[in-house]
PDB file of N, CA and C in Angstrom:
ATOM      1  N   MET A   1     -24.040  52.174  54.146  1.00  0.00           N
ATOM      2  CA  MET A   1     -24.135  53.629  53.674  1.00  0.00           C
ATOM      3  C   MET A   1     -25.041  53.340  52.446  1.00  0.00           C
ATOM      4  N   ALA A   2     -25.893  54.152  52.120  1.00  0.00           N
ATOM      5  CA  ALA A   2     -27.139  53.979  51.027  1.00  0.00           C
ATOM      6  C   ALA A   2     -26.473  54.654  49.854  1.00  0.00           C
ATOM      7  N   LYS A   3     -26.770  53.835  48.843  1.00  0.00           N
ATOM      8  CA  LYS A   3     -26.276  54.259  47.535  1.00  0.00           C
ATOM      9  C   LYS A   3     -27.070  55.800  46.926  1.00  0.00           C
ATOM     10  N   SER A   4     -26.690  56.573  46.169  1.00  0.00           N
ATOM     11  CA  SER A   4     -27.117  57.894  45.990  1.00  0.00           C
ATOM     12  C   SER A   4     -27.885  57.690  44.822  1.00  0.00           C
ATOM     13  N   ASN A   5     -29.255  58.227  44.750  1.00  0.00           N
ATOM     14  CA  ASN A   5     -29.819  58.055  43.322  1.00  0.00           C
ATOM     15  C   ASN A   5     -29.344  57.718  42.322  1.00  0.00           C
ATOM     16  N   ALA A   6     -28.574  59.037  41.783  1.00  0.00           N
ATOM     17  CA  ALA A   6     -27.758  58.851  40.767  1.00  0.00           C
ATOM     18  C   ALA A   6     -27.046  57.412  40.478  1.00  0.00           C
ATOM     19  N   ALA A   7     -26.104  57.130  41.599  1.00  0.00           N
ATOM     20  CA  ALA A   7     -25.725  55.717  41.346  1.00  0.00           C
ATOM     21  C   ALA A   7     -26.345  54.778  40.907  1.00  0.00           C
ATOM     22  N   LYS A   8     -27.555  54.730  41.594  1.00  0.00           N
ATOM     23  CA  LYS A   8     -28.468  53.835  41.299  1.00  0.00           C
ATOM     24  C   LYS A   8     -29.344  53.934  39.691  1.00  0.00           C
ATOM     25  N   ILE A   9     -29.616  55.041  39.302  1.00  0.00           N
ATOM     26  CA  ILE A   9     -29.833  55.562  38.017  1.00  0.00           C
ATOM     27  C   ILE A   9     -29.190  54.810  37.100  1.00  0.00           C
ATOM     28  N   SER A  10     -27.428  55.274  37.207  1.00  0.00           N
ATOM     29  CA  SER A  10     -26.288  55.105  36.217  1.00  0.00           C
ATOM     30  C   SER A  10     -26.398  53.581  35.727  1.00  0.00           C
ATOM     31  N   LYS A  11     -26.585  52.785  37.164  1.00  0.00           N
ATOM     32  CA  LYS A  11     -26.460  51.457  37.110  1.00  0.00           C
ATOM     33  C   LYS A  11     -27.387  50.767  36.066  1.00  0.00           C
ATOM     34  N   MET A  12     -28.567  51.465  36.084  1.00  0.00           N
ATOM     35  CA  MET A  12     -29.741  50.796  35.517  1.00  0.00           C
ATOM     36  C   MET A  12     -29.738  51.180  33.890  1.00  0.00           C
ATOM     37  N   MET A  13     -28.785  52.151  33.769  1.00  0.00           N
ATOM     38  CA  MET A  13     -28.392  52.429  32.206  1.00  0.00           C
ATOM     39  C   MET A  13     -27.653  51.144  31.525  1.00  0.00           C
ATOM     40  N   LEU A  14     -26.758  50.533  32.050  1.00  0.00           N
ATOM     41  CA  LEU A  14     -26.137  49.265  31.907  1.00  0.00           C
ATOM     42  C   LEU A  14     -27.072  48.270  31.384  1.00  0.00           C
ATOM     43  N   LEU A  15     -28.049  48.305  31.681  1.00  0.00           N
ATOM     44  CA  LEU A  15     -28.766  47.338  31.618  1.00  0.00           C
ATOM     45  C   LEU A  15     -29.576  46.988  30.214  1.00  0.00           C
ATOM     46  N   ALA A  16     -29.865  45.405  30.145  1.00  0.00           N
ATOM     47  CA  ALA A  16     -30.498  45.417  28.683  1.00  0.00           C
ATOM     48  C   ALA A  16     -31.507  46.051  28.203  1.00  0.00           C
ATOM     49  N   PRO A  17     -31.589  46.304  27.081  1.00  0.00           N
ATOM     50  CA  PRO A  17     -32.628  46.908  26.535  1.00  0.00           C
ATOM     51  C   PRO A  17     -34.304  46.097  27.043  1.00  0.00           C
ATOM     52  N   ASP A  18     -34.397  44.829  26.671  1.00  0.00           N
ATOM     53  CA  ASP A  18     -35.411  44.313  27.273  1.00  0.00           C
ATOM     54  C   ASP A  18     -35.668  44.035  28.503  1.00  0.00           C
ATOM     55  N   ILE A  19     -34.864  43.950  29.514  1.00  0.00           N
ATOM     56  CA  ILE A  19     -35.100  44.322  30.925  1.00  0.00           C
ATOM     57  C   ILE A  19     -35.706  45.540  31.225  1.00  0.00           C
ATOM     58  N   ILE A  20     -35.397  46.666  30.672  1.00  0.00           N
ATOM     59  CA  ILE A  20     -35.566  47.988  30.980  1.00  0.00           C
ATOM     60  C   ILE A  20     -37.045  47.995  30.315  1.00  0.00           C
ATOM     61  N   GLU A  21     -37.260  47.487  29.637  1.00  0.00           N
ATOM     62  CA  GLU A  21     -38.727  47.331  28.946  1.00  0.00           C
ATOM     63  C   GLU A  21     -39.539  46.703  29.929  1.00  0.00           C
ATOM     64  N   ALA A  22     -39.120  45.626  30.485  1.00  0.00           N
ATOM     65  CA  ALA A  22     -39.950  44.737  31.359  1.00  0.00           C
ATOM     66  C   ALA A  22     -40.230  45.390  32.474  1.00  0.00           C
ATOM     67  N   ILE A  23     -39.321  46.339  32.914  1.00  0.00           N
ATOM     68  CA  ILE A  23     -39.456  46.910  34.121  1.00  0.00           C
ATOM     69  C   ILE A  23     -40.725  48.073  33.887  1.00  0.00           C
ATOM     70  N   LEU A  24     -40.503  48.913  32.878  1.00  0.00           N
ATOM     71  CA  LEU A  24     -41.401  50.127  32.734  1.00  0.00           C
ATOM     72  C   LEU A  24     -42.440  49.368  32.435  1.00  0.00           C
ATOM     73  N   GLU A  25     -43.170  48.530  31.647  1.00  0.00           N
ATOM     74  CA  GLU A  25     -44.362  47.661  31.401  1.00  0.00           C
ATOM     75  C   GLU A  25     -44.815  47.090  32.826  1.00  0.00           C
ATOM     76  N   GLY A  26     -44.074  46.934  33.636  1.00  0.00           N
ATOM     77  CA  GLY A  26     -44.681  45.997  34.850  1.00  0.00           C
ATOM     78  C   GLY A  26     -44.652  44.552  34.766  1.00  0.00           C
ATOM     79  N   ARG A  27     -43.750  44.082  33.949  1.00  0.00           N
ATOM     80  CA  ARG A  27     -43.457  42.893  33.818  1.00  0.00           C
ATOM     81  C   ARG A  27     -42.831  42.187  34.454  1.00  0.00           C
ATOM     82  N   THR A  28     -42.481  42.662  35.812  1.00  0.00           N
ATOM     83  CA  THR A  28     -41.635  41.972  36.562  1.00  0.00           C
ATOM     84  C   THR A  28     -42.099  42.335  38.166  1.00  0.00           C
ATOM     85  N   ASP A  29     -41.817  41.426  38.941  1.00  0.00           N
ATOM     86  CA  ASP A  29     -41.934  41.657  40.326  1.00  0.00           C
ATOM     87  C   ASP A  29     -40.899  42.694  40.963  1.00  0.00           C
ATOM     88  N   ASP A  30     -41.576  43.596  41.476  1.00  0.00           N
ATOM     89  CA  ASP A  30     -41.063  44.521  41.934  1.00  0.00           C
ATOM     90  C   ASP A  30     -39.764  44.085  42.984  1.00  0.00           C
ATOM     91  N   TRP A  31     -40.186  43.022  44.161  1.00  0.00           N
ATOM     92  CA  TRP A  31     -39.094  42.690  45.186  1.00  0.00           C
ATOM     93  C   TRP A  31     -38.128  41.885  44.182  1.00  0.00           C
ATOM     94  N   MET A  32     -38.185  41.040  43.327  1.00  0.00           N
ATOM     95  CA  MET A  32     -37.483  40.610  42.322  1.00  0.00           C
ATOM     96  C   MET A  32     -36.115  40.740  41.582  1.00  0.00           C
ATOM     97  N   MET A  33     -36.744  42.507  41.294  1.00  0.00           N
ATOM     98  CA  MET A  33     -35.812  43.398  40.772  1.00  0.00           C
ATOM     99  C   MET A  33     -35.189  44.156  41.278  1.00  0.00           C
ATOM    100  N   LEU A  34     -35.469  44.657  42.559  1.00  0.00           N
ATOM    101  CA  LEU A  34     -34.802  45.493  43.359  1.00  0.00           C
ATOM    102  C   LEU A  34     -33.841  45.066  44.004  1.00  0.00           C
ATOM    103  N   LYS A  35     -33.813  43.922  44.622  1.00  0.00           N
ATOM    104  CA  LYS A  35     -32.667  42.929  45.031  1.00  0.00           C
ATOM    105  C   LYS A  35     -31.721  42.592  44.153  1.00  0.00           C
ATOM    106  N   PRO A  36     -31.745  42.064  43.067  1.00  0.00           N
ATOM    107  CA  PRO A  36     -30.634  41.802  42.199  1.00  0.00           C
ATOM    108  C   PRO A  36     -29.872  43.118  41.671  1.00  0.00           C
ATOM    109  N   LEU A  37     -30.859  44.330  41.398  1.00  0.00           N
ATOM    110  CA  LEU A  37     -30.147  45.643  41.208  1.00  0.00           C
ATOM    111  C   LEU A  37     -29.048  46.035  42.039  1.00  0.00           C
ATOM    112  N   ASP A  38     -29.417  45.676  43.286  1.00  0.00           N
ATOM    113  CA  ASP A  38     -28.773  46.219  44.273  1.00  0.00           C
ATOM    114  C   ASP A  38     -27.570  45.633  44.569  1.00  0.00           C
ATOM    115  N   ARG A  39     -26.840  44.565  43.806  1.00  0.00           N
ATOM    116  CA  ARG A  39     -25.422  43.959  43.524  1.00  0.00           C
ATOM    117  C   ARG A  39     -25.178  44.157  41.937  1.00  0.00           C
ATOM    118  N   PRO A  40     -23.800  43.774  42.036  1.00  0.00           N
ATOM    119  CA  PRO A  40     -23.064  43.903  40.724  1.00  0.00           C
ATOM    120  C   PRO A  40     -23.864  43.037  39.360  1.00  0.00           C
ATOM    121  N   LEU A  41     -24.127  43.321  38.534  1.00  0.00           N
ATOM    122  CA  LEU A  41     -24.730  42.276  37.707  1.00  0.00           C
ATOM    123  C   LEU A  41     -23.405  42.236  36.265  1.00  0.00           C
ATOM    124  N   PRO A  42     -23.718  41.282  35.394  1.00  0.00           N
ATOM    125  CA  PRO A  42     -22.897  40.904  34.323  1.00  0.00           C
ATOM    126  C   PRO A  42     -22.983  42.211  33.277  1.00  0.00           C
ATOM    127  N   MET A  43     -21.912  42.387  32.462  1.00  0.00           N
ATOM    128  CA  MET A  43     -22.062  43.283  31.444  1.00  0.00           C
ATOM    129  C   MET A  43     -22.833  42.684  30.115  1.00  0.00           C
ATOM    130  N   ARG A  44     -22.806  41.426  30.096  1.00  0.00           N
ATOM    131  CA  ARG A  44     -23.211  40.856  28.755  1.00  0.00           C
ATOM    132  C   ARG A  44     -24.446  40.849  29.263  1.00  0.00           C
ATOM    133  N   TRP A  45     -25.443  41.445  28.302  1.00  0.00           N
ATOM    134  CA  TRP A  45     -27.087  41.723  28.385  1.00  0.00           C
ATOM    135  C   TRP A  45     -27.754  40.136  28.485  1.00  0.00           C
ATOM    136  N   GLU A  46     -27.298  39.144  27.655  1.00  0.00           N
ATOM    137  CA  GLU A  46     -27.819  37.600  27.929  1.00  0.00           C
ATOM    138  C   GLU A  46     -27.453  37.385  29.258  1.00  0.00           C
ATOM    139  N   GLU A  47     -26.308  37.623  29.968  1.00  0.00           N
ATOM    140  CA  GLU A  47     -26.004  37.180  31.152  1.00  0.00           C
ATOM    141  C   GLU A  47     -26.963  37.742  32.197  1.00  0.00           C
ATOM    142  N   GLN A  48     -27.418  39.002  32.017  1.00  0.00           N
ATOM    143  CA  GLN A  48     -28.598  39.592  32.859  1.00  0.00           C
ATOM    144  C   GLN A  48     -29.581  38.980  32.858  1.00  0.00           C
ATOM    145  N   GLN A  49     -29.917  38.327  31.468  1.00  0.00           N
ATOM    146  CA  GLN A  49     -31.486  38.324  31.374  1.00  0.00           C
ATOM    147  C   GLN A  49     -31.667  36.859  32.168  1.00  0.00           C
ATOM    148  N   VAL A  50     -30.381  36.165  31.987  1.00  0.00           N
ATOM    149  CA  VAL A  50     -30.788  34.707  32.864  1.00  0.00           C
ATOM    150  C   VAL A  50     -30.360  34.773  34.048  1.00  0.00           C
ATOM    151  N   GLU A  51     -29.435  35.895  34.691  1.00  0.00           N
ATOM    152  CA  GLU A  51     -29.518  36.354  36.214  1.00  0.00           C
ATOM    153  C   GLU A  51     -31.059  36.747  36.710  1.00  0.00           C
ATOM    154  N   LEU A  52     -31.569  37.590  36.381  1.00  0.00           N
ATOM    155  CA  LEU A  52     -32.941  38.191  36.594  1.00  0.00           C
ATOM    156  C   LEU A  52     -34.005  37.269  36.151  1.00  0.00           C
ATOM    157  N   GLY A  53     -33.693  36.681  35.282  1.00  0.00           N
ATOM    158  CA  GLY A  53     -34.945  35.661  34.808  1.00  0.00           C
ATOM    159  C   GLY A  53     -35.709  36.246  33.725  1.00  0.00           C
ATOM    160  N   ILE A  54     -35.123  36.991  33.240  1.00  0.00           N
ATOM    161  CA  ILE A  54     -35.878  37.516  31.908  1.00  0.00           C
ATOM    162  C   ILE A  54     -35.899  37.382  30.699  1.00  0.00           C
TER     163      ILE A  54
END
């Protein structure tokens, strides 16, 4: 079953600010970002940055 848009957006609210900035500024590969965001990410911002390579 596909996740609702609200679920996807609410998950993005937990991302580190510099990751959100990189996404909005287009400094990330779309494919690279969409795949990891489909699974649970660490809550600590430093761990998110390492996992996403940002």
